[in-house]
């Protein structure tokens, strides 16, 4: 009789040996020892069942680990600011600012006095300097949040007057009318899909009007027999005009003559401009609020603003941008 075959389970590498393997060291550093250990144990069980050889346990462990989140990709879609791909990539300066802000920072501390200071004051100062036409500025966590806060403060229990041609869907099934109505505001739709006039707005404005909303239709175009009312004319109606320009372009750019910008919109008479920080501005996800000083202060002091505030990493990246 020959010698009995060796039990393959005896040849499976030990857990501590595998965790010390150089091939797994990077995974331990990024995912943590417990997660890698669980993948090691699963691979060892496969080896004991004969599904893989003992020599393949380390490779099977790596294959069984979750990929890094989020994963870097190449944007070959033809859409530069692609929502599904994270919109604007951060500049080198913004990335460096995020790294520097990852530790303890003076986000709400005045280093000169040792007392509590306004959150993100340096970022807000930088934004205000970039748009001198804004009497005051504030930042929340995205563009939809900026409009949500404005509607809550100005129109809860009141009416928002808006053209039917500007009742847009903003992505992932979220629609502007539903967002606004969630604040307790009532929508007063005017005009038609393709044509709205100043008279349409004037007939709708009354004692129950919270504000007139002007929305830039950034993700579609209506051509042909059309008409829309510019902010300059809406500002003559005697009620606040809130303009959602969407893209975050702060000042006019000759390469984008049809894209509304914050400075021009404010000069045209808008009481408040809302925009995103991660589109044409090229910064992190954020919602920008620029306009009348008293109005912005009301927004900033509203309890909802606390729930919509941005963290120190966003503030750092936005300031650098």
C-alpha atoms as a PDB file:
ATOM      1  CA  UNK A   1       0.000   0.000   0.000  1.00  0.00           C
ATOM      2  CA  UNK A   2       1.220   3.510  -0.789  1.00  0.00           C
ATOM      3  CA  UNK A   3       1.290   6.358   1.678  1.00  0.00           C
ATOM      4  CA  UNK A   4      -2.068   8.167   2.182  1.00  0.00           C
ATOM      5  CA  UNK A   5      -2.509  11.446   0.284  1.00  0.00           C
ATOM      6  CA  UNK A   6      -1.736  14.542   2.297  1.00  0.00           C
ATOM      7  CA  UNK A   7      -4.757  16.425   3.572  1.00  0.00           C
ATOM      8  CA  UNK A   8      -4.947  19.590   1.415  1.00  0.00           C
ATOM      9  CA  UNK A   9      -6.285  21.538   4.396  1.00  0.00           C
ATOM     10  CA  UNK A  10      -2.885  21.256   6.082  1.00  0.00           C
ATOM     11  CA  UNK A  11      -1.277  23.146   3.250  1.00  0.00           C
ATOM     12  CA  UNK A  12      -3.613  26.148   3.289  1.00  0.00           C
ATOM     13  CA  UNK A  13      -1.628  29.217   4.441  1.00  0.00           C
ATOM     14  CA  UNK A  14      -2.377  30.490   7.928  1.00  0.00           C
ATOM     15  CA  UNK A  15      -4.448  33.620   8.349  1.00  0.00           C
ATOM     16  CA  UNK A  16      -1.677  35.607  10.065  1.00  0.00           C
ATOM     17  CA  UNK A  17       0.762  34.583   7.328  1.00  0.00           C
ATOM     18  CA  UNK A  18      -1.587  35.811   4.613  1.00  0.00           C
ATOM     19  CA  UNK A  19      -2.287  39.104   6.382  1.00  0.00           C
ATOM     20  CA  UNK A  20       1.464  39.706   6.485  1.00  0.00           C
ATOM     21  CA  UNK A  21       1.745  39.018   2.730  1.00  0.00           C
ATOM     22  CA  UNK A  22       3.073  42.051   0.872  1.00  0.00           C
ATOM     23  CA  UNK A  23       0.363  41.625  -1.753  1.00  0.00           C
ATOM     24  CA  UNK A  24      -2.311  42.285   0.889  1.00  0.00           C
ATOM     25  CA  UNK A  25      -0.532  45.062   2.770  1.00  0.00           C
ATOM     26  CA  UNK A  26      -2.059  47.876   0.678  1.00  0.00           C
ATOM     27  CA  UNK A  27      -5.533  46.427   1.127  1.00  0.00           C
ATOM     28  CA  UNK A  28      -5.070  46.234   4.906  1.00  0.00           C
ATOM     29  CA  UNK A  29      -3.955  49.872   4.935  1.00  0.00           C
ATOM     30  CA  UNK A  30      -6.964  51.121   2.956  1.00  0.00           C
ATOM     31  CA  UNK A  31      -9.769  48.741   3.945  1.00  0.00           C
ATOM     32  CA  UNK A  32      -8.704  47.757   7.455  1.00  0.00           C
ATOM     33  CA  UNK A  33      -7.521  44.462   8.913  1.00  0.00           C
ATOM     34  CA  UNK A  34     -10.996  43.105   9.737  1.00  0.00           C
ATOM     35  CA  UNK A  35     -12.355  43.396   6.184  1.00  0.00           C
ATOM     36  CA  UNK A  36      -9.249  41.841   4.658  1.00  0.00           C
ATOM     37  CA  UNK A  37      -9.272  39.056   7.262  1.00  0.00           C
ATOM     38  CA  UNK A  38     -12.863  38.186   6.321  1.00  0.00           C
ATOM     39  CA  UNK A  39     -11.805  37.898   2.668  1.00  0.00           C
ATOM     40  CA  UNK A  40      -8.819  35.732   3.682  1.00  0.00           C
ATOM     41  CA  UNK A  41     -11.051  33.333   5.625  1.00  0.00           C
ATOM     42  CA  UNK A  42     -13.448  33.067   2.689  1.00  0.00           C
ATOM     43  CA  UNK A  43     -10.547  32.243   0.334  1.00  0.00           C
ATOM     44  CA  UNK A  44      -9.182  29.662   2.792  1.00  0.00           C
ATOM     45  CA  UNK A  45     -12.575  27.918   2.847  1.00  0.00           C
ATOM     46  CA  UNK A  46     -12.517  27.765  -0.961  1.00  0.00           C
ATOM     47  CA  UNK A  47      -9.071  26.164  -0.856  1.00  0.00           C
ATOM     48  CA  UNK A  48     -10.187  23.568   1.696  1.00  0.00           C
ATOM     49  CA  UNK A  49     -13.108  22.676  -0.548  1.00  0.00           C
ATOM     50  CA  UNK A  50     -10.681  22.199  -3.414  1.00  0.00           C
ATOM     51  CA  UNK A  51     -12.055  25.080  -5.494  1.00  0.00           C
ATOM     52  CA  UNK A  52      -8.656  26.782  -5.614  1.00  0.00           C
ATOM     53  CA  UNK A  53      -5.134  25.687  -4.757  1.00  0.00           C
ATOM     54  CA  UNK A  54      -3.427  26.848  -1.538  1.00  0.00           C
ATOM     55  CA  UNK A  55      -1.083  28.940  -3.666  1.00  0.00           C
ATOM     56  CA  UNK A  56      -4.080  30.863  -5.051  1.00  0.00           C
ATOM     57  CA  UNK A  57      -5.471  31.926  -1.681  1.00  0.00           C
ATOM     58  CA  UNK A  58      -3.750  35.343  -1.622  1.00  0.00           C
ATOM     59  CA  UNK A  59      -4.892  36.166  -5.159  1.00  0.00           C
ATOM     60  CA  UNK A  60      -8.427  34.966  -4.367  1.00  0.00           C
ATOM     61  CA  UNK A  61      -8.419  37.195  -1.292  1.00  0.00           C
ATOM     62  CA  UNK A  62      -7.582  40.243  -3.386  1.00  0.00           C
ATOM     63  CA  UNK A  63     -10.240  39.319  -5.927  1.00  0.00           C
ATOM     64  CA  UNK A  64     -12.810  39.006  -3.154  1.00  0.00           C
ATOM     65  CA  UNK A  65     -12.173  42.450  -1.689  1.00  0.00           C
ATOM     66  CA  UNK A  66     -14.536  45.301  -2.547  1.00  0.00           C
ATOM     67  CA  UNK A  67     -13.171  47.828  -5.037  1.00  0.00           C
ATOM     68  CA  UNK A  68     -12.133  51.274  -3.800  1.00  0.00           C
ATOM     69  CA  UNK A  69     -15.053  53.670  -3.559  1.00  0.00           C
ATOM     70  CA  UNK A  70     -15.461  55.802  -5.533  1.00  0.00           C
ATOM     71  CA  UNK A  71     -13.417  54.439  -8.440  1.00  0.00           C
ATOM     72  CA  UNK A  72     -11.540  56.744 -10.801  1.00  0.00           C
ATOM     73  CA  UNK A  73     -12.819  56.616 -14.389  1.00  0.00           C
ATOM     74  CA  UNK A  74     -12.029  58.229 -17.720  1.00  0.00           C
ATOM     75  CA  UNK A  75     -14.739  60.575 -18.978  1.00  0.00           C
ATOM     76  CA  UNK A  76     -15.095  59.704 -22.656  1.00  0.00           C
ATOM     77  CA  UNK A  77     -18.798  60.579 -22.860  1.00  0.00           C
ATOM     78  CA  UNK A  78     -18.463  63.897 -24.669  1.00  0.00           C
ATOM     79  CA  UNK A  79     -20.275  65.606 -21.780  1.00  0.00           C
ATOM     80  CA  UNK A  80     -17.665  67.568 -19.852  1.00  0.00           C
ATOM     81  CA  UNK A  81     -19.673  68.118 -16.664  1.00  0.00           C
ATOM     82  CA  UNK A  82     -21.343  64.711 -16.489  1.00  0.00           C
ATOM     83  CA  UNK A  83     -23.598  64.309 -13.446  1.00  0.00           C
ATOM     84  CA  UNK A  84     -23.072  60.541 -13.247  1.00  0.00           C
ATOM     85  CA  UNK A  85     -19.297  61.018 -13.270  1.00  0.00           C
ATOM     86  CA  UNK A  86     -19.125  63.621 -10.503  1.00  0.00           C
ATOM     87  CA  UNK A  87     -19.432  66.749 -12.640  1.00  0.00           C
ATOM     88  CA  UNK A  88     -16.413  69.066 -12.292  1.00  0.00           C
ATOM     89  CA  UNK A  89     -13.049  67.527 -11.389  1.00  0.00           C
ATOM     90  CA  UNK A  90     -11.339  69.539  -8.676  1.00  0.00           C
ATOM     91  CA  UNK A  91      -8.299  71.625  -9.518  1.00  0.00           C
ATOM     92  CA  UNK A  92      -4.911  70.800  -8.039  1.00  0.00           C
ATOM     93  CA  UNK A  93      -5.306  73.765  -5.690  1.00  0.00           C
ATOM     94  CA  UNK A  94      -8.687  72.522  -4.477  1.00  0.00           C
ATOM     95  CA  UNK A  95      -7.357  68.999  -3.927  1.00  0.00           C
ATOM     96  CA  UNK A  96      -4.449  70.385  -1.907  1.00  0.00           C
ATOM     97  CA  UNK A  97      -6.879  72.484   0.135  1.00  0.00           C
ATOM     98  CA  UNK A  98      -9.007  69.420   0.931  1.00  0.00           C
ATOM     99  CA  UNK A  99      -5.943  67.485   2.086  1.00  0.00           C
ATOM    100  CA  UNK A 100      -4.864  70.388   4.296  1.00  0.00           C
ATOM    101  CA  UNK A 101      -8.365  70.676   5.774  1.00  0.00           C
ATOM    102  CA  UNK A 102      -8.638  66.962   6.557  1.00  0.00           C
ATOM    103  CA  UNK A 103      -7.230  67.482  10.032  1.00  0.00           C
ATOM    104  CA  UNK A 104      -8.197  70.012  12.677  1.00  0.00           C
ATOM    105  CA  UNK A 105      -8.939  73.453  11.201  1.00  0.00           C
ATOM    106  CA  UNK A 106     -10.162  76.883  12.254  1.00  0.00           C
ATOM    107  CA  UNK A 107     -13.498  76.315  10.517  1.00  0.00           C
ATOM    108  CA  UNK A 108     -15.413  78.022  13.342  1.00  0.00           C
ATOM    109  CA  UNK A 109     -12.599  79.526  15.389  1.00  0.00           C
ATOM    110  CA  UNK A 110     -11.018  82.985  15.314  1.00  0.00           C
ATOM    111  CA  UNK A 111      -7.352  82.274  15.979  1.00  0.00           C
ATOM    112  CA  UNK A 112      -6.702  85.899  16.923  1.00  0.00           C
ATOM    113  CA  UNK A 113      -9.283  86.013  19.727  1.00  0.00           C
ATOM    114  CA  UNK A 114      -9.762  82.323  20.498  1.00  0.00           C
ATOM    115  CA  UNK A 115     -13.508  82.776  20.197  1.00  0.00           C
ATOM    116  CA  UNK A 116     -16.122  81.140  17.994  1.00  0.00           C
ATOM    117  CA  UNK A 117     -16.229  82.634  14.513  1.00  0.00           C
ATOM    118  CA  UNK A 118     -18.652  82.453  11.593  1.00  0.00           C
ATOM    119  CA  UNK A 119     -18.396  79.118   9.836  1.00  0.00           C
ATOM    120  CA  UNK A 120     -16.595  79.278   6.493  1.00  0.00           C
ATOM    121  CA  UNK A 121     -15.983  83.006   6.719  1.00  0.00           C
ATOM    122  CA  UNK A 122     -12.887  82.875   4.477  1.00  0.00           C
ATOM    123  CA  UNK A 123     -14.755  80.913   1.818  1.00  0.00           C
ATOM    124  CA  UNK A 124     -17.691  83.305   1.950  1.00  0.00           C
ATOM    125  CA  UNK A 125     -15.323  86.250   1.698  1.00  0.00           C
ATOM    126  CA  UNK A 126     -13.692  84.737  -1.385  1.00  0.00           C
ATOM    127  CA  UNK A 127     -17.087  84.150  -3.007  1.00  0.00           C
ATOM    128  CA  UNK A 128     -18.237  87.673  -2.177  1.00  0.00           C
ATOM    129  CA  UNK A 129     -15.038  89.109  -3.665  1.00  0.00           C
ATOM    130  CA  UNK A 130     -15.641  87.140  -6.869  1.00  0.00           C
ATOM    131  CA  UNK A 131     -19.170  88.592  -7.209  1.00  0.00           C
ATOM    132  CA  UNK A 132     -19.113  92.214  -5.950  1.00  0.00           C
ATOM    133  CA  UNK A 133     -22.683  92.700  -7.205  1.00  0.00           C
ATOM    134  CA  UNK A 134     -23.903  90.421  -4.414  1.00  0.00           C
ATOM    135  CA  UNK A 135     -24.496  92.290  -1.163  1.00  0.00           C
ATOM    136  CA  UNK A 136     -24.203  88.991   0.724  1.00  0.00           C
ATOM    137  CA  UNK A 137     -23.508  85.320   0.028  1.00  0.00           C
ATOM    138  CA  UNK A 138     -24.135  81.949   1.626  1.00  0.00           C
ATOM    139  CA  UNK A 139     -23.312  78.328   0.769  1.00  0.00           C
ATOM    140  CA  UNK A 140     -25.338  75.147   1.275  1.00  0.00           C
ATOM    141  CA  UNK A 141     -24.758  71.564   0.187  1.00  0.00           C
ATOM    142  CA  UNK A 142     -26.088  71.652  -3.401  1.00  0.00           C
ATOM    143  CA  UNK A 143     -28.073  73.704  -5.885  1.00  0.00           C
ATOM    144  CA  UNK A 144     -31.396  72.096  -5.047  1.00  0.00           C
ATOM    145  CA  UNK A 145     -30.790  72.834  -1.372  1.00  0.00           C
ATOM    146  CA  UNK A 146     -30.238  76.510  -2.180  1.00  0.00           C
ATOM    147  CA  UNK A 147     -33.614  76.726  -3.896  1.00  0.00           C
ATOM    148  CA  UNK A 148     -35.253  74.662  -1.148  1.00  0.00           C
ATOM    149  CA  UNK A 149     -34.014  77.077   1.507  1.00  0.00           C
ATOM    150  CA  UNK A 150     -35.141  80.108  -0.477  1.00  0.00           C
ATOM    151  CA  UNK A 151     -38.641  78.668  -0.990  1.00  0.00           C
ATOM    152  CA  UNK A 152     -38.951  77.704   2.671  1.00  0.00           C
ATOM    153  CA  UNK A 153     -38.020  81.173   3.912  1.00  0.00           C
ATOM    154  CA  UNK A 154     -39.846  83.253   1.311  1.00  0.00           C
ATOM    155  CA  UNK A 155     -42.842  81.216   0.257  1.00  0.00           C
ATOM    156  CA  UNK A 156     -43.926  78.614   2.836  1.00  0.00           C
ATOM    157  CA  UNK A 157     -47.722  78.969   2.838  1.00  0.00           C
ATOM    158  CA  UNK A 158     -47.499  81.439  -0.037  1.00  0.00           C
ATOM    159  CA  UNK A 159     -47.190  81.315  -3.827  1.00  0.00           C
ATOM    160  CA  UNK A 160     -44.234  80.925  -6.153  1.00  0.00           C
ATOM    161  CA  UNK A 161     -44.998  82.339  -9.585  1.00  0.00           C
ATOM    162  CA  UNK A 162     -43.214  80.443 -12.356  1.00  0.00           C
ATOM    163  CA  UNK A 163     -43.504  79.940 -16.098  1.00  0.00           C
ATOM    164  CA  UNK A 164     -44.836  76.554 -17.236  1.00  0.00           C
ATOM    165  CA  UNK A 165     -41.883  76.327 -19.595  1.00  0.00           C
ATOM    166  CA  UNK A 166     -39.476  76.325 -16.622  1.00  0.00           C
ATOM    167  CA  UNK A 167     -40.973  73.487 -14.564  1.00  0.00           C
ATOM    168  CA  UNK A 168     -37.973  71.272 -15.144  1.00  0.00           C
ATOM    169  CA  UNK A 169     -36.901  67.847 -13.948  1.00  0.00           C
ATOM    170  CA  UNK A 170     -33.461  68.119 -12.343  1.00  0.00           C
ATOM    171  CA  UNK A 171     -32.378  64.498 -12.562  1.00  0.00           C
ATOM    172  CA  UNK A 172     -32.983  61.069 -11.033  1.00  0.00           C
ATOM    173  CA  UNK A 173     -36.728  61.646 -11.207  1.00  0.00           C
ATOM    174  CA  UNK A 174     -36.682  64.745  -9.004  1.00  0.00           C
ATOM    175  CA  UNK A 175     -38.877  67.508 -10.363  1.00  0.00           C
ATOM    176  CA  UNK A 176     -38.746  71.185  -9.535  1.00  0.00           C
ATOM    177  CA  UNK A 177     -42.486  71.508  -8.790  1.00  0.00           C
ATOM    178  CA  UNK A 178     -42.334  68.698  -6.245  1.00  0.00           C
ATOM    179  CA  UNK A 179     -39.225  70.161  -4.627  1.00  0.00           C
ATOM    180  CA  UNK A 180     -40.897  73.546  -4.218  1.00  0.00           C
ATOM    181  CA  UNK A 181     -44.195  72.120  -2.986  1.00  0.00           C
ATOM    182  CA  UNK A 182     -42.356  70.107  -0.316  1.00  0.00           C
ATOM    183  CA  UNK A 183     -41.566  73.419   1.402  1.00  0.00           C
ATOM    184  CA  UNK A 184     -45.250  74.271   1.833  1.00  0.00           C
ATOM    185  CA  UNK A 185     -45.217  76.724  -1.058  1.00  0.00           C
ATOM    186  CA  UNK A 186     -47.973  76.763  -3.685  1.00  0.00           C
ATOM    187  CA  UNK A 187     -47.048  76.999  -7.351  1.00  0.00           C
ATOM    188  CA  UNK A 188     -48.765  79.596  -9.525  1.00  0.00           C
ATOM    189  CA  UNK A 189     -48.009  78.502 -13.067  1.00  0.00           C
ATOM    190  CA  UNK A 190     -48.207  81.121 -15.806  1.00  0.00           C
ATOM    191  CA  UNK A 191     -47.932  81.155 -19.576  1.00  0.00           C
ATOM    192  CA  UNK A 192     -47.541  78.060 -21.704  1.00  0.00           C
ATOM    193  CA  UNK A 193     -44.765  75.580 -22.419  1.00  0.00           C
ATOM    194  CA  UNK A 194     -43.360  77.665 -25.266  1.00  0.00           C
ATOM    195  CA  UNK A 195     -44.517  81.233 -24.598  1.00  0.00           C
ATOM    196  CA  UNK A 196     -44.763  83.327 -21.436  1.00  0.00           C
ATOM    197  CA  UNK A 197     -45.127  87.118 -21.300  1.00  0.00           C
ATOM    198  CA  UNK A 198     -44.682  89.780 -18.638  1.00  0.00           C
ATOM    199  CA  UNK A 199     -48.460  90.213 -18.613  1.00  0.00           C
ATOM    200  CA  UNK A 200     -48.849  86.561 -17.606  1.00  0.00           C
ATOM    201  CA  UNK A 201     -46.668  87.178 -14.558  1.00  0.00           C
ATOM    202  CA  UNK A 202     -48.342  90.513 -13.710  1.00  0.00           C
ATOM    203  CA  UNK A 203     -51.786  88.903 -13.638  1.00  0.00           C
ATOM    204  CA  UNK A 204     -50.574  86.227 -11.214  1.00  0.00           C
ATOM    205  CA  UNK A 205     -48.677  88.459  -8.781  1.00  0.00           C
ATOM    206  CA  UNK A 206     -50.670  89.478  -5.732  1.00  0.00           C
ATOM    207  CA  UNK A 207     -50.724  89.657  -1.930  1.00  0.00           C
ATOM    208  CA  UNK A 208     -50.061  85.922  -1.633  1.00  0.00           C
ATOM    209  CA  UNK A 209     -46.938  85.969  -3.803  1.00  0.00           C
ATOM    210  CA  UNK A 210     -43.749  84.904  -2.054  1.00  0.00           C
ATOM    211  CA  UNK A 211     -41.523  85.447  -5.058  1.00  0.00           C
ATOM    212  CA  UNK A 212     -41.260  85.080  -8.806  1.00  0.00           C
ATOM    213  CA  UNK A 213     -38.941  82.252  -9.820  1.00  0.00           C
ATOM    214  CA  UNK A 214     -36.858  82.367 -12.991  1.00  0.00           C
ATOM    215  CA  UNK A 215     -35.232  79.022 -13.877  1.00  0.00           C
ATOM    216  CA  UNK A 216     -32.572  78.585 -16.533  1.00  0.00           C
ATOM    217  CA  UNK A 217     -33.496  75.447 -18.553  1.00  0.00           C
ATOM    218  CA  UNK A 218     -29.960  74.128 -18.665  1.00  0.00           C
ATOM    219  CA  UNK A 219     -30.744  70.594 -19.852  1.00  0.00           C
ATOM    220  CA  UNK A 220     -33.092  71.268 -22.779  1.00  0.00           C
ATOM    221  CA  UNK A 221     -33.856  73.839 -25.478  1.00  0.00           C
ATOM    222  CA  UNK A 222     -37.212  74.961 -26.876  1.00  0.00           C
ATOM    223  CA  UNK A 223     -36.955  76.594 -30.285  1.00  0.00           C
ATOM    224  CA  UNK A 224     -39.369  78.087 -32.796  1.00  0.00           C
ATOM    225  CA  UNK A 225     -42.451  80.038 -31.711  1.00  0.00           C
ATOM    226  CA  UNK A 226     -41.244  80.935 -28.223  1.00  0.00           C
ATOM    227  CA  UNK A 227     -40.965  83.823 -25.788  1.00  0.00           C
ATOM    228  CA  UNK A 228     -39.635  84.204 -22.254  1.00  0.00           C
ATOM    229  CA  UNK A 229     -39.355  87.134 -19.866  1.00  0.00           C
ATOM    230  CA  UNK A 230     -35.887  88.264 -18.756  1.00  0.00           C
ATOM    231  CA  UNK A 231     -35.035  89.031 -15.144  1.00  0.00           C
ATOM    232  CA  UNK A 232     -34.797  92.764 -15.856  1.00  0.00           C
ATOM    233  CA  UNK A 233     -38.496  92.877 -16.745  1.00  0.00           C
ATOM    234  CA  UNK A 234     -39.553  90.536 -13.926  1.00  0.00           C
ATOM    235  CA  UNK A 235     -37.855  92.896 -11.456  1.00  0.00           C
ATOM    236  CA  UNK A 236     -40.455  95.564 -12.270  1.00  0.00           C
ATOM    237  CA  UNK A 237     -43.292  93.508 -10.770  1.00  0.00           C
ATOM    238  CA  UNK A 238     -42.694  94.703  -7.205  1.00  0.00           C
ATOM    239  CA  UNK A 239     -41.987  91.279  -5.660  1.00  0.00           C
ATOM    240  CA  UNK A 240     -38.652  89.485  -5.087  1.00  0.00           C
ATOM    241  CA  UNK A 241     -37.226  87.680  -8.104  1.00  0.00           C
ATOM    242  CA  UNK A 242     -35.247  84.507  -7.394  1.00  0.00           C
ATOM    243  CA  UNK A 243     -33.155  83.375 -10.352  1.00  0.00           C
ATOM    244  CA  UNK A 244     -31.841  79.831 -10.484  1.00  0.00           C
ATOM    245  CA  UNK A 245     -29.033  80.098 -13.038  1.00  0.00           C
ATOM    246  CA  UNK A 246     -27.936  76.519 -12.403  1.00  0.00           C
ATOM    247  CA  UNK A 247     -24.430  76.412 -13.790  1.00  0.00           C
ATOM    248  CA  UNK A 248     -22.538  78.531 -11.261  1.00  0.00           C
ATOM    249  CA  UNK A 249     -21.005  80.915 -13.798  1.00  0.00           C
ATOM    250  CA  UNK A 250     -20.130  83.888 -11.602  1.00  0.00           C
ATOM    251  CA  UNK A 251     -19.399  86.512 -14.276  1.00  0.00           C
ATOM    252  CA  UNK A 252     -20.064  86.688 -17.990  1.00  0.00           C
ATOM    253  CA  UNK A 253     -17.776  84.770 -20.321  1.00  0.00           C
ATOM    254  CA  UNK A 254     -17.463  85.595 -24.057  1.00  0.00           C
ATOM    255  CA  UNK A 255     -17.104  81.878 -24.820  1.00  0.00           C
ATOM    256  CA  UNK A 256     -20.531  81.262 -23.239  1.00  0.00           C
ATOM    257  CA  UNK A 257     -22.669  84.178 -24.448  1.00  0.00           C
ATOM    258  CA  UNK A 258     -25.987  82.399 -23.828  1.00  0.00           C
ATOM    259  CA  UNK A 259     -25.166  81.174 -20.320  1.00  0.00           C
ATOM    260  CA  UNK A 260     -26.602  83.309 -17.500  1.00  0.00           C
ATOM    261  CA  UNK A 261     -24.133  84.456 -14.857  1.00  0.00           C
ATOM    262  CA  UNK A 262     -24.609  85.613 -11.295  1.00  0.00           C
ATOM    263  CA  UNK A 263     -23.204  89.131 -11.643  1.00  0.00           C
ATOM    264  CA  UNK A 264     -25.305  90.068 -14.682  1.00  0.00           C
ATOM    265  CA  UNK A 265     -28.436  88.517 -13.172  1.00  0.00           C
ATOM    266  CA  UNK A 266     -28.018  90.488  -9.948  1.00  0.00           C
ATOM    267  CA  UNK A 267     -27.452  93.724 -11.863  1.00  0.00           C
ATOM    268  CA  UNK A 268     -30.652  92.995 -13.784  1.00  0.00           C
ATOM    269  CA  UNK A 269     -32.568  93.142 -10.498  1.00  0.00           C
ATOM    270  CA  UNK A 270     -32.740  89.635  -9.065  1.00  0.00           C
ATOM    271  CA  UNK A 271     -33.091  89.689  -5.282  1.00  0.00           C
ATOM    272  CA  UNK A 272     -31.429  86.295  -5.036  1.00  0.00           C
ATOM    273  CA  UNK A 273     -29.411  84.076  -7.354  1.00  0.00           C
ATOM    274  CA  UNK A 274     -28.995  80.361  -6.724  1.00  0.00           C
ATOM    275  CA  UNK A 275     -26.469  78.140  -8.484  1.00  0.00           C
ATOM    276  CA  UNK A 276     -24.367  74.987  -8.219  1.00  0.00           C
ATOM    277  CA  UNK A 277     -20.698  74.965  -7.289  1.00  0.00           C
ATOM    278  CA  UNK A 278     -19.673  71.857  -9.239  1.00  0.00           C
ATOM    279  CA  UNK A 279     -20.644  72.855 -12.772  1.00  0.00           C
ATOM    280  CA  UNK A 280     -19.092  75.787 -14.634  1.00  0.00           C
ATOM    281  CA  UNK A 281     -17.542  77.145 -11.455  1.00  0.00           C
ATOM    282  CA  UNK A 282     -15.466  73.956 -11.369  1.00  0.00           C
ATOM    283  CA  UNK A 283     -15.587  73.408  -7.621  1.00  0.00           C
ATOM    284  CA  UNK A 284     -17.056  70.880  -5.176  1.00  0.00           C
ATOM    285  CA  UNK A 285     -20.742  70.056  -4.856  1.00  0.00           C
ATOM    286  CA  UNK A 286     -22.302  73.097  -3.229  1.00  0.00           C
ATOM    287  CA  UNK A 287     -25.269  75.421  -3.555  1.00  0.00           C
ATOM    288  CA  UNK A 288     -24.516  79.127  -3.891  1.00  0.00           C
ATOM    289  CA  UNK A 289     -26.856  81.859  -2.636  1.00  0.00           C
ATOM    290  CA  UNK A 290     -26.017  85.426  -3.674  1.00  0.00           C
ATOM    291  CA  UNK A 291     -28.039  88.595  -3.366  1.00  0.00           C
ATOM    292  CA  UNK A 292     -29.759  91.059  -1.047  1.00  0.00           C
ATOM    293  CA  UNK A 293     -28.056  91.286   2.353  1.00  0.00           C
ATOM    294  CA  UNK A 294     -31.216  91.146   4.482  1.00  0.00           C
ATOM    295  CA  UNK A 295     -32.602  88.252   2.476  1.00  0.00           C
ATOM    296  CA  UNK A 296     -29.402  86.202   2.614  1.00  0.00           C
ATOM    297  CA  UNK A 297     -29.184  86.785   6.371  1.00  0.00           C
ATOM    298  CA  UNK A 298     -32.744  85.486   6.767  1.00  0.00           C
ATOM    299  CA  UNK A 299     -31.763  82.381   4.842  1.00  0.00           C
ATOM    300  CA  UNK A 300     -28.600  81.920   6.881  1.00  0.00           C
ATOM    301  CA  UNK A 301     -30.433  82.183  10.208  1.00  0.00           C
ATOM    302  CA  UNK A 302     -33.309  79.861   9.311  1.00  0.00           C
ATOM    303  CA  UNK A 303     -33.224  76.501  11.177  1.00  0.00           C
ATOM    304  CA  UNK A 304     -33.196  74.586   7.872  1.00  0.00           C
ATOM    305  CA  UNK A 305     -29.838  76.184   7.002  1.00  0.00           C
ATOM    306  CA  UNK A 306     -28.225  74.087   9.740  1.00  0.00           C
ATOM    307  CA  UNK A 307     -29.353  70.878   8.054  1.00  0.00           C
ATOM    308  CA  UNK A 308     -28.107  72.079   4.664  1.00  0.00           C
ATOM    309  CA  UNK A 309     -24.697  73.380   5.699  1.00  0.00           C
ATOM    310  CA  UNK A 310     -21.464  72.211   4.094  1.00  0.00           C
ATOM    311  CA  UNK A 311     -18.506  70.578   5.823  1.00  0.00           C
ATOM    312  CA  UNK A 312     -14.963  71.871   6.184  1.00  0.00           C
ATOM    313  CA  UNK A 313     -13.688  69.920   3.156  1.00  0.00           C
ATOM    314  CA  UNK A 314     -16.263  71.540   0.858  1.00  0.00           C
ATOM    315  CA  UNK A 315     -15.475  74.966   2.278  1.00  0.00           C
ATOM    316  CA  UNK A 316     -11.760  74.430   1.682  1.00  0.00           C
ATOM    317  CA  UNK A 317     -12.219  73.202  -1.888  1.00  0.00           C
ATOM    318  CA  UNK A 318     -14.644  76.024  -2.722  1.00  0.00           C
ATOM    319  CA  UNK A 319     -12.310  78.697  -1.342  1.00  0.00           C
ATOM    320  CA  UNK A 320      -9.406  77.312  -3.394  1.00  0.00           C
ATOM    321  CA  UNK A 321     -11.606  77.155  -6.490  1.00  0.00           C
END
